[in-house]
Amino acid sequence: MRATIETEEFQYVAGFFKREPRWKVKCKIDFTNEELSIIRARNLGDLQVYTQSIGTGDDIAINLKQVVKHGIWSVFTTPIDARNFEYELETNTLPALKDYLDASAEVEAGPRTLEF
């Protein structure tokens, strides 16, 4: 899995003459063929990956199927919120997604014996 994170500032049209600054964080993710096979074989498409902010105060749950198609992106009203989201992607969301896919590849079948 390889991810590229980019943040861009743009002017949001908030009214006929009113424009407000917004920051869009885009994360393009290139999954390996093995990772895509794991997603298909384990039916992980409906797994919720993150909550997307669209800059209006509304949040939307995004699943893995959408992440594979469109990557990860969110819109923020302040640059610090955009930076915090970048940090969250780098330190939590993307590593957790990679770990989840790796763990999903190897599923042990059969009984386990535990001794206490």
N, C-alpha and C. Protein backbone atom coordinates (compact mmCIF):
# COMPACT_ATOMS: atom_id res chain seq x y z
N MET A 1 0.86 -1.17 0.00
CA MET A 1 0.00 0.00 0.00
C MET A 1 0.90 1.23 0.00
N ARG A 2 0.63 2.13 -0.92
CA ARG A 2 1.39 3.39 -0.99
C ARG A 2 0.39 4.54 -0.98
N ALA A 3 0.65 5.53 -0.14
CA ALA A 3 -0.28 6.67 -0.02
C ALA A 3 0.46 7.98 -0.30
N THR A 4 -0.24 8.88 -0.99
CA THR A 4 0.25 10.22 -1.26
C THR A 4 -0.77 11.21 -0.72
N ILE A 5 -0.34 12.09 0.19
CA ILE A 5 -1.24 13.06 0.82
C ILE A 5 -0.94 14.45 0.28
N GLU A 6 -1.99 15.16 -0.12
CA GLU A 6 -1.86 16.51 -0.65
C GLU A 6 -2.96 17.39 -0.06
N THR A 7 -2.60 18.61 0.32
CA THR A 7 -3.57 19.56 0.83
C THR A 7 -3.60 20.77 -0.08
N GLU A 8 -4.81 21.21 -0.43
CA GLU A 8 -4.95 22.40 -1.28
C GLU A 8 -6.00 23.34 -0.69
N GLU A 9 -5.73 24.61 -0.84
CA GLU A 9 -6.68 25.63 -0.40
C GLU A 9 -7.52 26.04 -1.60
N PHE A 10 -8.81 26.27 -1.37
CA PHE A 10 -9.69 26.74 -2.44
C PHE A 10 -10.74 27.67 -1.85
N GLN A 11 -11.44 28.37 -2.70
CA GLN A 11 -12.48 29.30 -2.28
C GLN A 11 -13.85 28.63 -2.43
N TYR A 12 -14.51 28.47 -1.32
CA TYR A 12 -15.85 27.88 -1.27
C TYR A 12 -16.87 28.98 -1.51
N VAL A 13 -17.81 28.75 -2.41
CA VAL A 13 -18.85 29.73 -2.69
C VAL A 13 -19.94 29.57 -1.64
N ALA A 14 -20.01 30.54 -0.72
CA ALA A 14 -20.95 30.47 0.41
C ALA A 14 -22.18 31.33 0.17
N GLY A 15 -22.24 32.01 -0.93
CA GLY A 15 -23.37 32.88 -1.28
C GLY A 15 -23.09 33.52 -2.62
N PHE A 16 -23.99 34.40 -3.04
CA PHE A 16 -23.85 35.01 -4.35
C PHE A 16 -22.55 35.78 -4.48
N PHE A 17 -22.19 36.57 -3.47
CA PHE A 17 -20.95 37.34 -3.50
C PHE A 17 -19.94 36.90 -2.45
N LYS A 18 -20.29 35.90 -1.67
CA LYS A 18 -19.46 35.50 -0.54
C LYS A 18 -18.64 34.25 -0.87
N ARG A 19 -17.37 34.34 -0.59
CA ARG A 19 -16.47 33.21 -0.74
C ARG A 19 -15.72 33.02 0.58
N GLU A 20 -15.53 31.77 0.94
CA GLU A 20 -14.83 31.45 2.17
C GLU A 20 -13.70 30.46 1.86
N PRO A 21 -12.57 30.59 2.54
CA PRO A 21 -11.49 29.63 2.28
C PRO A 21 -11.80 28.26 2.88
N ARG A 22 -11.39 27.24 2.17
CA ARG A 22 -11.51 25.86 2.64
C ARG A 22 -10.20 25.15 2.29
N TRP A 23 -9.92 24.07 3.02
CA TRP A 23 -8.73 23.27 2.78
C TRP A 23 -9.17 21.83 2.54
N LYS A 24 -8.76 21.28 1.42
CA LYS A 24 -9.10 19.91 1.07
C LYS A 24 -7.85 19.04 1.18
N VAL A 25 -7.97 18.00 1.98
CA VAL A 25 -6.89 17.03 2.13
C VAL A 25 -7.27 15.82 1.29
N LYS A 26 -6.40 15.48 0.35
CA LYS A 26 -6.62 14.33 -0.53
C LYS A 26 -5.51 13.30 -0.29
N CYS A 27 -5.91 12.07 -0.14
CA CYS A 27 -4.96 10.98 0.06
C CYS A 27 -5.22 9.92 -1.01
N LYS A 28 -4.30 9.82 -1.94
CA LYS A 28 -4.40 8.80 -2.99
C LYS A 28 -3.73 7.54 -2.47
N ILE A 29 -4.42 6.43 -2.57
CA ILE A 29 -3.87 5.16 -2.07
C ILE A 29 -3.77 4.18 -3.22
N ASP A 30 -2.57 3.64 -3.40
CA ASP A 30 -2.35 2.59 -4.38
C ASP A 30 -2.20 1.28 -3.62
N PHE A 31 -3.21 0.43 -3.75
CA PHE A 31 -3.18 -0.87 -3.10
C PHE A 31 -2.44 -1.86 -4.00
N THR A 32 -1.73 -2.80 -3.38
CA THR A 32 -1.07 -3.85 -4.15
C THR A 32 -2.14 -4.83 -4.64
N ASN A 33 -1.78 -5.64 -5.62
CA ASN A 33 -2.71 -6.67 -6.10
C ASN A 33 -3.07 -7.64 -4.99
N GLU A 34 -2.10 -7.94 -4.13
CA GLU A 34 -2.35 -8.84 -2.99
C GLU A 34 -3.38 -8.23 -2.04
N GLU A 35 -3.25 -6.94 -1.75
CA GLU A 35 -4.20 -6.27 -0.85
C GLU A 35 -5.59 -6.22 -1.46
N LEU A 36 -5.67 -5.95 -2.75
CA LEU A 36 -6.97 -5.95 -3.43
C LEU A 36 -7.60 -7.33 -3.41
N SER A 37 -6.78 -8.36 -3.54
CA SER A 37 -7.28 -9.74 -3.47
C SER A 37 -7.83 -10.06 -2.08
N ILE A 38 -7.14 -9.58 -1.06
CA ILE A 38 -7.60 -9.80 0.32
C ILE A 38 -8.94 -9.12 0.54
N ILE A 39 -9.07 -7.88 0.05
CA ILE A 39 -10.32 -7.13 0.20
C ILE A 39 -11.47 -7.88 -0.46
N ARG A 40 -11.23 -8.40 -1.66
CA ARG A 40 -12.29 -9.16 -2.36
C ARG A 40 -12.58 -10.49 -1.68
N ALA A 41 -11.53 -11.25 -1.36
CA ALA A 41 -11.70 -12.59 -0.80
C ALA A 41 -12.38 -12.56 0.57
N ARG A 42 -12.11 -11.54 1.36
CA ARG A 42 -12.68 -11.44 2.70
C ARG A 42 -13.92 -10.56 2.77
N ASN A 43 -14.38 -10.07 1.62
CA ASN A 43 -15.56 -9.20 1.55
C ASN A 43 -15.45 -8.01 2.52
N LEU A 44 -14.35 -7.28 2.40
CA LEU A 44 -14.08 -6.17 3.31
C LEU A 44 -14.57 -4.82 2.79
N GLY A 45 -15.26 -4.80 1.67
CA GLY A 45 -15.70 -3.55 1.05
C GLY A 45 -16.57 -2.69 1.94
N ASP A 46 -17.35 -3.28 2.82
CA ASP A 46 -18.25 -2.50 3.69
C ASP A 46 -17.60 -2.05 4.99
N LEU A 47 -16.34 -2.37 5.19
CA LEU A 47 -15.61 -1.97 6.39
C LEU A 47 -15.48 -0.45 6.43
N GLN A 48 -15.94 0.18 7.52
CA GLN A 48 -15.82 1.64 7.65
C GLN A 48 -14.37 1.99 7.95
N VAL A 49 -13.80 2.89 7.12
CA VAL A 49 -12.40 3.25 7.25
C VAL A 49 -12.23 4.57 7.99
N TYR A 50 -13.05 5.56 7.67
CA TYR A 50 -12.93 6.87 8.31
C TYR A 50 -14.23 7.64 8.15
N THR A 51 -14.31 8.79 8.82
CA THR A 51 -15.46 9.68 8.70
C THR A 51 -15.02 10.90 7.93
N GLN A 52 -15.69 11.14 6.81
CA GLN A 52 -15.33 12.24 5.92
C GLN A 52 -16.04 13.52 6.32
N SER A 53 -15.29 14.60 6.36
CA SER A 53 -15.85 15.93 6.60
C SER A 53 -15.96 16.63 5.26
N ILE A 54 -17.12 17.25 4.99
CA ILE A 54 -17.29 17.93 3.71
C ILE A 54 -17.30 19.45 3.86
N GLY A 55 -16.90 19.94 5.02
CA GLY A 55 -16.72 21.37 5.22
C GLY A 55 -17.96 22.14 5.62
N THR A 56 -19.08 21.45 5.75
CA THR A 56 -20.32 22.12 6.13
C THR A 56 -20.78 21.70 7.52
N GLY A 57 -19.97 20.94 8.20
CA GLY A 57 -20.34 20.44 9.52
C GLY A 57 -20.94 19.04 9.46
N ASP A 58 -21.19 18.55 8.26
CA ASP A 58 -21.74 17.20 8.10
C ASP A 58 -20.59 16.21 7.93
N ASP A 59 -20.75 15.04 8.52
CA ASP A 59 -19.76 13.98 8.38
C ASP A 59 -20.42 12.75 7.77
N ILE A 60 -19.66 12.03 6.95
CA ILE A 60 -20.16 10.86 6.25
C ILE A 60 -19.22 9.69 6.51
N ALA A 61 -19.77 8.53 6.86
CA ALA A 61 -18.96 7.32 7.05
C ALA A 61 -18.54 6.79 5.68
N ILE A 62 -17.24 6.53 5.51
CA ILE A 62 -16.70 6.06 4.24
C ILE A 62 -16.18 4.63 4.43
N ASN A 63 -16.59 3.74 3.52
CA ASN A 63 -16.16 2.36 3.63
C ASN A 63 -14.97 2.06 2.71
N LEU A 64 -14.42 0.87 2.85
CA LEU A 64 -13.21 0.50 2.12
C LEU A 64 -13.43 0.46 0.61
N LYS A 65 -14.61 0.06 0.18
CA LYS A 65 -14.89 0.04 -1.26
C LYS A 65 -14.75 1.44 -1.85
N GLN A 66 -15.23 2.46 -1.14
CA GLN A 66 -15.12 3.83 -1.61
C GLN A 66 -13.67 4.32 -1.56
N VAL A 67 -12.92 3.89 -0.55
CA VAL A 67 -11.51 4.28 -0.43
C VAL A 67 -10.70 3.70 -1.60
N VAL A 68 -10.97 2.45 -1.96
CA VAL A 68 -10.26 1.84 -3.09
C VAL A 68 -10.53 2.63 -4.37
N LYS A 69 -11.76 3.04 -4.57
CA LYS A 69 -12.13 3.77 -5.80
C LYS A 69 -11.64 5.21 -5.80
N HIS A 70 -11.84 5.94 -4.68
CA HIS A 70 -11.64 7.39 -4.68
C HIS A 70 -10.55 7.88 -3.73
N GLY A 71 -9.94 7.00 -2.97
CA GLY A 71 -8.97 7.44 -1.98
C GLY A 71 -9.68 8.02 -0.77
N ILE A 72 -8.95 8.77 0.01
CA ILE A 72 -9.48 9.41 1.21
C ILE A 72 -9.39 10.91 1.02
N TRP A 73 -10.47 11.61 1.32
CA TRP A 73 -10.42 13.07 1.25
C TRP A 73 -11.44 13.67 2.21
N SER A 74 -11.12 14.87 2.66
CA SER A 74 -12.01 15.63 3.52
C SER A 74 -11.76 17.11 3.31
N VAL A 75 -12.77 17.93 3.62
CA VAL A 75 -12.67 19.39 3.47
C VAL A 75 -12.80 20.01 4.86
N PHE A 76 -11.96 21.03 5.12
CA PHE A 76 -11.93 21.66 6.43
C PHE A 76 -12.03 23.17 6.32
N THR A 77 -12.54 23.79 7.38
CA THR A 77 -12.72 25.25 7.38
C THR A 77 -11.49 25.99 7.91
N THR A 78 -10.54 25.27 8.51
CA THR A 78 -9.32 25.91 8.99
C THR A 78 -8.10 25.08 8.57
N PRO A 79 -6.97 25.73 8.37
CA PRO A 79 -5.78 24.97 7.98
C PRO A 79 -5.29 24.04 9.08
N ILE A 80 -5.51 24.39 10.34
CA ILE A 80 -5.06 23.52 11.42
C ILE A 80 -5.88 22.23 11.45
N ASP A 81 -7.18 22.31 11.13
CA ASP A 81 -7.99 21.09 11.04
C ASP A 81 -7.48 20.19 9.92
N ALA A 82 -7.08 20.79 8.81
CA ALA A 82 -6.53 20.02 7.70
C ALA A 82 -5.22 19.35 8.12
N ARG A 83 -4.35 20.08 8.81
CA ARG A 83 -3.09 19.52 9.30
C ARG A 83 -3.33 18.37 10.28
N ASN A 84 -4.32 18.55 11.17
CA ASN A 84 -4.64 17.49 12.13
C ASN A 84 -5.12 16.23 11.42
N PHE A 85 -5.91 16.41 10.34
CA PHE A 85 -6.38 15.26 9.57
C PHE A 85 -5.21 14.57 8.88
N GLU A 86 -4.29 15.33 8.32
CA GLU A 86 -3.08 14.75 7.72
C GLU A 86 -2.34 13.90 8.75
N TYR A 87 -2.17 14.47 9.94
CA TYR A 87 -1.47 13.76 11.02
C TYR A 87 -2.22 12.47 11.38
N GLU A 88 -3.54 12.56 11.48
CA GLU A 88 -4.36 11.39 11.81
C GLU A 88 -4.21 10.30 10.74
N LEU A 89 -4.17 10.72 9.47
CA LEU A 89 -3.97 9.75 8.39
C LEU A 89 -2.62 9.05 8.53
N GLU A 90 -1.57 9.84 8.73
CA GLU A 90 -0.21 9.31 8.79
C GLU A 90 0.04 8.41 9.99
N THR A 91 -0.51 8.77 11.13
CA THR A 91 -0.17 8.05 12.36
C THR A 91 -1.18 6.99 12.77
N ASN A 92 -2.45 7.13 12.35
CA ASN A 92 -3.47 6.19 12.81
C ASN A 92 -4.21 5.48 11.67
N THR A 93 -4.89 6.24 10.83
CA THR A 93 -5.80 5.65 9.84
C THR A 93 -5.09 4.73 8.87
N LEU A 94 -4.06 5.22 8.20
CA LEU A 94 -3.37 4.41 7.19
C LEU A 94 -2.62 3.22 7.81
N PRO A 95 -1.87 3.40 8.91
CA PRO A 95 -1.23 2.22 9.52
C PRO A 95 -2.25 1.19 10.01
N ALA A 96 -3.38 1.65 10.57
CA ALA A 96 -4.41 0.71 11.05
C ALA A 96 -5.03 -0.05 9.88
N LEU A 97 -5.26 0.64 8.76
CA LEU A 97 -5.81 -0.03 7.58
C LEU A 97 -4.84 -1.09 7.07
N LYS A 98 -3.57 -0.75 6.99
CA LYS A 98 -2.55 -1.71 6.54
C LYS A 98 -2.49 -2.92 7.47
N ASP A 99 -2.49 -2.67 8.77
CA ASP A 99 -2.46 -3.77 9.75
C ASP A 99 -3.69 -4.66 9.62
N TYR A 100 -4.84 -4.04 9.40
CA TYR A 100 -6.09 -4.80 9.27
C TYR A 100 -6.04 -5.71 8.04
N LEU A 101 -5.55 -5.17 6.92
CA LEU A 101 -5.45 -5.98 5.71
C LEU A 101 -4.45 -7.12 5.89
N ASP A 102 -3.31 -6.83 6.53
CA ASP A 102 -2.33 -7.88 6.78
C ASP A 102 -2.89 -8.97 7.68
N ALA A 103 -3.62 -8.58 8.72
CA ALA A 103 -4.21 -9.55 9.63
C ALA A 103 -5.31 -10.36 8.95
N SER A 104 -5.99 -9.76 8.00
CA SER A 104 -7.07 -10.44 7.28
C SER A 104 -6.53 -11.47 6.29
N ALA A 105 -5.28 -11.33 5.90
CA ALA A 105 -4.69 -12.26 4.94
C ALA A 105 -4.51 -13.64 5.54
N GLU A 106 -4.12 -13.69 6.79
CA GLU A 106 -3.85 -14.96 7.46
C GLU A 106 -4.90 -15.22 8.52
N VAL A 107 -5.85 -16.04 8.20
CA VAL A 107 -6.90 -16.42 9.16
C VAL A 107 -6.70 -17.89 9.48
N GLU A 108 -6.44 -18.16 10.74
CA GLU A 108 -6.21 -19.53 11.17
C GLU A 108 -7.53 -20.28 11.27
N ALA A 109 -7.56 -21.45 10.70
CA ALA A 109 -8.76 -22.29 10.78
C ALA A 109 -8.45 -23.46 11.70
N GLY A 110 -9.51 -24.01 12.27
CA GLY A 110 -9.35 -25.17 13.12
C GLY A 110 -9.37 -24.82 14.59
N PRO A 111 -9.38 -25.85 15.42
CA PRO A 111 -9.47 -25.61 16.87
C PRO A 111 -8.15 -25.12 17.44
N ARG A 112 -8.27 -24.41 18.53
CA ARG A 112 -7.10 -23.93 19.29
C ARG A 112 -7.22 -24.47 20.70
N THR A 113 -6.12 -24.88 21.26
CA THR A 113 -6.10 -25.35 22.64
C THR A 113 -5.38 -24.33 23.49
N LEU A 114 -6.07 -23.91 24.53
CA LEU A 114 -5.52 -22.92 25.45
C LEU A 114 -5.33 -23.56 26.82
N GLU A 115 -4.21 -23.28 27.44
CA GLU A 115 -3.98 -23.77 28.80
C GLU A 115 -3.80 -22.59 29.72
N PHE A 116 -4.46 -22.66 30.87
CA PHE A 116 -4.37 -21.59 31.85
C PHE A 116 -3.83 -22.11 33.16
